[in-house]
C-alpha atoms as a PDB file:
ATOM      1  CA  MET A   1     110.122  82.339 103.359  1.00  0.00           C
ATOM      2  CA  PRO A   2     109.992  81.749  99.547  1.00  0.00           C
ATOM      3  CA  PHE A   3     108.911  78.133  98.569  1.00  0.00           C
ATOM      4  CA  SER A   4     112.333  77.226  97.162  1.00  0.00           C
ATOM      5  CA  LYS A   5     113.739  77.708 100.591  1.00  0.00           C
ATOM      6  CA  ASP A   6     111.232  75.115 102.149  1.00  0.00           C
ATOM      7  CA  GLY A   7     108.621  77.972 102.365  1.00  0.00           C
ATOM      8  CA  THR A   8     104.851  76.880 102.751  1.00  0.00           C
ATOM      9  CA  GLU A   9     102.405  75.947 100.192  1.00  0.00           C
ATOM     10  CA  ASP A  10     100.057  78.585 101.415  1.00  0.00           C
ATOM     11  CA  GLY A  11      98.365  80.332  98.665  1.00  0.00           C
ATOM     12  CA  SER A  12      99.848  83.779  99.833  1.00  0.00           C
ATOM     13  CA  ASN A  13     103.135  82.168  99.379  1.00  0.00           C
ATOM     14  CA  LEU A  14     102.598  80.836  95.615  1.00  0.00           C
ATOM     15  CA  GLN A  15     101.521  84.086  93.849  1.00  0.00           C
ATOM     16  CA  THR A  16     101.973  84.623  90.187  1.00  0.00           C
ATOM     17  CA  LEU A  17     104.179  87.879  90.073  1.00  0.00           C
ATOM     18  CA  CYS A  18     106.086  90.035  87.615  1.00  0.00           C
ATOM     19  CA  ARG A  19     109.897  89.390  87.561  1.00  0.00           C
ATOM     20  CA  PRO A  20     110.860  92.480  89.887  1.00  0.00           C
ATOM     21  CA  CYS A  21     108.194  91.504  92.498  1.00  0.00           C
ATOM     22  CA  ASN A  22     109.140  88.044  92.467  1.00  0.00           C
ATOM     23  CA  ALA A  23     112.816  88.727  92.940  1.00  0.00           C
ATOM     24  CA  GLY A  24     111.857  91.391  95.756  1.00  0.00           C
ATOM     25  CA  LYS A  25     109.975  88.492  97.609  1.00  0.00           C
ATOM     26  CA  GLY A  26     112.154  85.481  96.625  1.00  0.00           C
ATOM     27  CA  SER A  27     115.389  84.053  97.480  1.00  0.00           C
ATOM     28  CA  ASP A  28     117.548  86.936  96.461  1.00  0.00           C
ATOM     29  CA  GLU A  29     118.758  87.942  99.910  1.00  0.00           C
ATOM     30  CA  ALA A  30     120.975  90.640  98.697  1.00  0.00           C
ATOM     31  CA  LEU A  31     117.897  92.332  97.043  1.00  0.00           C
ATOM     32  CA  ASN A  32     115.516  91.962 100.119  1.00  0.00           C
ATOM     33  CA  LYS A  33     118.240  93.544 102.449  1.00  0.00           C
ATOM     34  CA  ALA A  34     118.846  96.338  99.695  1.00  0.00           C
ATOM     35  CA  VAL A  35     115.057  97.136  99.412  1.00  0.00           C
ATOM     36  CA  ASP A  36     114.679  96.779 103.402  1.00  0.00           C
ATOM     37  CA  SER A  37     117.466  99.508 103.816  1.00  0.00           C
ATOM     38  CA  GLU A  38     115.900 101.884 101.286  1.00  0.00           C
ATOM     39  CA  LEU A  39     112.478 101.499 103.153  1.00  0.00           C
ATOM     40  CA  ARG A  40     114.198 102.304 106.649  1.00  0.00           C
ATOM     41  CA  ASN A  41     115.969 105.256 104.766  1.00  0.00           C
ATOM     42  CA  LEU A  42     112.760 106.359 103.532  1.00  0.00           C
ATOM     43  CA  LEU A  43     111.158 106.141 106.943  1.00  0.00           C
ATOM     44  CA  ASP A  44     114.151 108.121 108.451  1.00  0.00           C
ATOM     45  CA  GLN A  45     113.409 110.883 106.049  1.00  0.00           C
ATOM     46  CA  ILE A  46     109.727 110.995 106.867  1.00  0.00           C
ATOM     47  CA  ASN A  47     110.785 111.067 110.737  1.00  0.00           C
ATOM     48  CA  PRO A  48     113.388 108.845 112.323  1.00  0.00           C
ATOM     49  CA  ALA A  49     111.138 108.606 115.216  1.00  0.00           C
ATOM     50  CA  ILE A  50     109.302 105.866 113.045  1.00  0.00           C
ATOM     51  CA  ASN A  51     112.261 103.310 112.923  1.00  0.00           C
ATOM     52  CA  ARG A  52     112.820 103.887 116.669  1.00  0.00           C
ATOM     53  CA  ALA A  53     109.037 103.311 117.482  1.00  0.00           C
ATOM     54  CA  VAL A  54     108.965 100.028 115.215  1.00  0.00           C
ATOM     55  CA  LEU A  55     112.057  98.673 116.820  1.00  0.00           C
ATOM     56  CA  LYS A  56     110.823  99.610 120.304  1.00  0.00           C
ATOM     57  CA  ASP A  57     106.910  98.784 120.110  1.00  0.00           C
ATOM     58  CA  GLY A  58     106.892  96.668 117.013  1.00  0.00           C
ATOM     59  CA  ARG A  59     104.847  99.067 115.205  1.00  0.00           C
ATOM     60  CA  ALA A  60     104.226 103.070 114.664  1.00  0.00           C
ATOM     61  CA  VAL A  61     101.343 105.389 113.839  1.00  0.00           C
ATOM     62  CA  VAL A  62     102.431 107.823 111.299  1.00  0.00           C
ATOM     63  CA  VAL A  63     100.969 110.798 109.482  1.00  0.00           C
ATOM     64  CA  ALA A  64     103.049 111.502 106.452  1.00  0.00           C
ATOM     65  CA  ASN A  65     102.674 113.751 103.178  1.00  0.00           C
ATOM     66  CA  SER A  66     100.671 111.658 100.748  1.00  0.00           C
ATOM     67  CA  ASP A  67     103.456 111.585  98.282  1.00  0.00           C
ATOM     68  CA  GLU A  68     105.830 110.150 100.934  1.00  0.00           C
ATOM     69  CA  PHE A  69     103.338 107.468 101.818  1.00  0.00           C
ATOM     70  CA  THR A  70     102.902 106.574  98.031  1.00  0.00           C
ATOM     71  CA  GLU A  71     106.650 106.192  97.737  1.00  0.00           C
ATOM     72  CA  LEU A  72     106.725 103.928 100.911  1.00  0.00           C
ATOM     73  CA  ALA A  73     103.891 101.754  99.464  1.00  0.00           C
ATOM     74  CA  ARG A  74     105.577 101.522  96.221  1.00  0.00           C
ATOM     75  CA  LYS A  75     108.768 100.113  97.537  1.00  0.00           C
ATOM     76  CA  ASN A  76     106.924  97.903 100.090  1.00  0.00           C
ATOM     77  CA  ALA A  77     105.001  96.503  97.098  1.00  0.00           C
ATOM     78  CA  TYR A  78     108.587  94.928  95.859  1.00  0.00           C
ATOM     79  CA  PHE A  79     109.791  93.854  99.230  1.00  0.00           C
ATOM     80  CA  ASN A  80     106.364  93.269 101.119  1.00  0.00           C
ATOM     81  CA  GLY A  81     108.311  93.425 104.217  1.00  0.00           C
ATOM     82  CA  TYR A  82     105.940  95.632 106.438  1.00  0.00           C
ATOM     83  CA  GLN A  83     102.221  95.481 106.967  1.00  0.00           C
ATOM     84  CA  ILE A  84     100.623  98.800 106.236  1.00  0.00           C
ATOM     85  CA  LYS A  85      97.265  99.569 107.455  1.00  0.00           C
ATOM     86  CA  VAL A  86      95.795 102.920 106.403  1.00  0.00           C
ATOM     87  CA  TYR A  87      93.258 104.891 108.416  1.00  0.00           C
ATOM     88  CA  PRO A  88      90.565 106.056 106.243  1.00  0.00           C
ATOM     89  CA  SER A  89      90.237 109.948 106.936  1.00  0.00           C
ATOM     90  CA  THR A  90      90.743 113.118 104.926  1.00  0.00           C
ATOM     91  CA  ILE A  91      93.644 115.190 106.444  1.00  0.00           C
ATOM     92  CA  THR A  92      95.074 118.154 104.457  1.00  0.00           C
ATOM     93  CA  GLY A  93      96.683 121.426 105.392  1.00  0.00           C
ATOM     94  CA  LEU A  94      99.845 122.465 107.557  1.00  0.00           C
ATOM     95  CA  GLN A  95     100.048 120.553 110.533  1.00  0.00           C
ATOM     96  CA  ALA A  96      96.911 118.774 109.838  1.00  0.00           C
ATOM     97  CA  GLY A  97      96.577 115.272 111.829  1.00  0.00           C
ATOM     98  CA  PHE A  98      99.792 116.501 113.927  1.00  0.00           C
ATOM     99  CA  SER A  99      98.327 114.782 116.910  1.00  0.00           C
ATOM    100  CA  LEU A 100      97.481 111.432 115.183  1.00  0.00           C
ATOM    101  CA  GLY A 101     100.715 109.723 115.117  1.00  0.00           C
ATOM    102  CA  ILE A 102     104.378 110.377 114.345  1.00  0.00           C
ATOM    103  CA  TYR A 103     104.417 113.359 112.122  1.00  0.00           C
ATOM    104  CA  THR A 104     106.295 114.168 108.717  1.00  0.00           C
ATOM    105  CA  LEU A 105     109.246 116.191 109.228  1.00  0.00           C
ATOM    106  CA  ASN A 106     108.666 117.844 105.822  1.00  0.00           C
ATOM    107  CA  ASP A 107     105.070 119.117 106.088  1.00  0.00           C
ATOM    108  CA  ASN A 108     104.145 120.378 102.534  1.00  0.00           C
ATOM    109  CA  GLY A 109     100.755 121.661 103.404  1.00  0.00           C
ATOM    110  CA  GLY A 110      99.110 119.152 101.100  1.00  0.00           C
ATOM    111  CA  SER A 111      97.181 115.878 101.879  1.00  0.00           C
ATOM    112  CA  LYS A 112      98.567 113.517 104.465  1.00  0.00           C
ATOM    113  CA  THR A 113      97.978 109.852 104.794  1.00  0.00           C
ATOM    114  CA  HIS A 114      97.453 108.471 108.252  1.00  0.00           C
ATOM    115  CA  PHE A 115      98.681 104.786 108.630  1.00  0.00           C
ATOM    116  CA  GLN A 116     100.140 102.177 110.871  1.00  0.00           C
ATOM    117  CA  ILE A 117     103.388 100.410 109.997  1.00  0.00           C
ATOM    118  CA  ALA A 118     104.856  97.125 111.429  1.00  0.00           C
ATOM    119  CA  PRO A 119     107.414  94.567 110.187  1.00  0.00           C
ATOM    120  CA  ARG A 120     105.635  91.497 108.506  1.00  0.00           C
ATOM    121  CA  SER A 121     106.089  88.505 110.675  1.00  0.00           C
ATOM    122  CA  SER A 122     108.612  85.884 109.238  1.00  0.00           C
END
């Protein structure tokens, strides 16, 4: 909740940000909804089961191509609507890490990122 709309004076809510990041985290609801939609579409491109798991269980454990994860983290940096916890591991190759979580649909055989994603609490 932005400070301008009666958000807390907590340090994490009073960050100095560049204009695009501030707009994404601020009171521009249209922008927040647009970025959230982009994030959900990206999760669907990785694997639609991610969004279903987040709705059902409140979180999803995922193994995605590292470039997919990088794009997800970049978009989330503007919106900050999801908590993303990366599990430190080295996963490389076709079907590497397949059993660790919801797996990318477009395995490129390269490095993978194993992570958990959950909506941030309001």
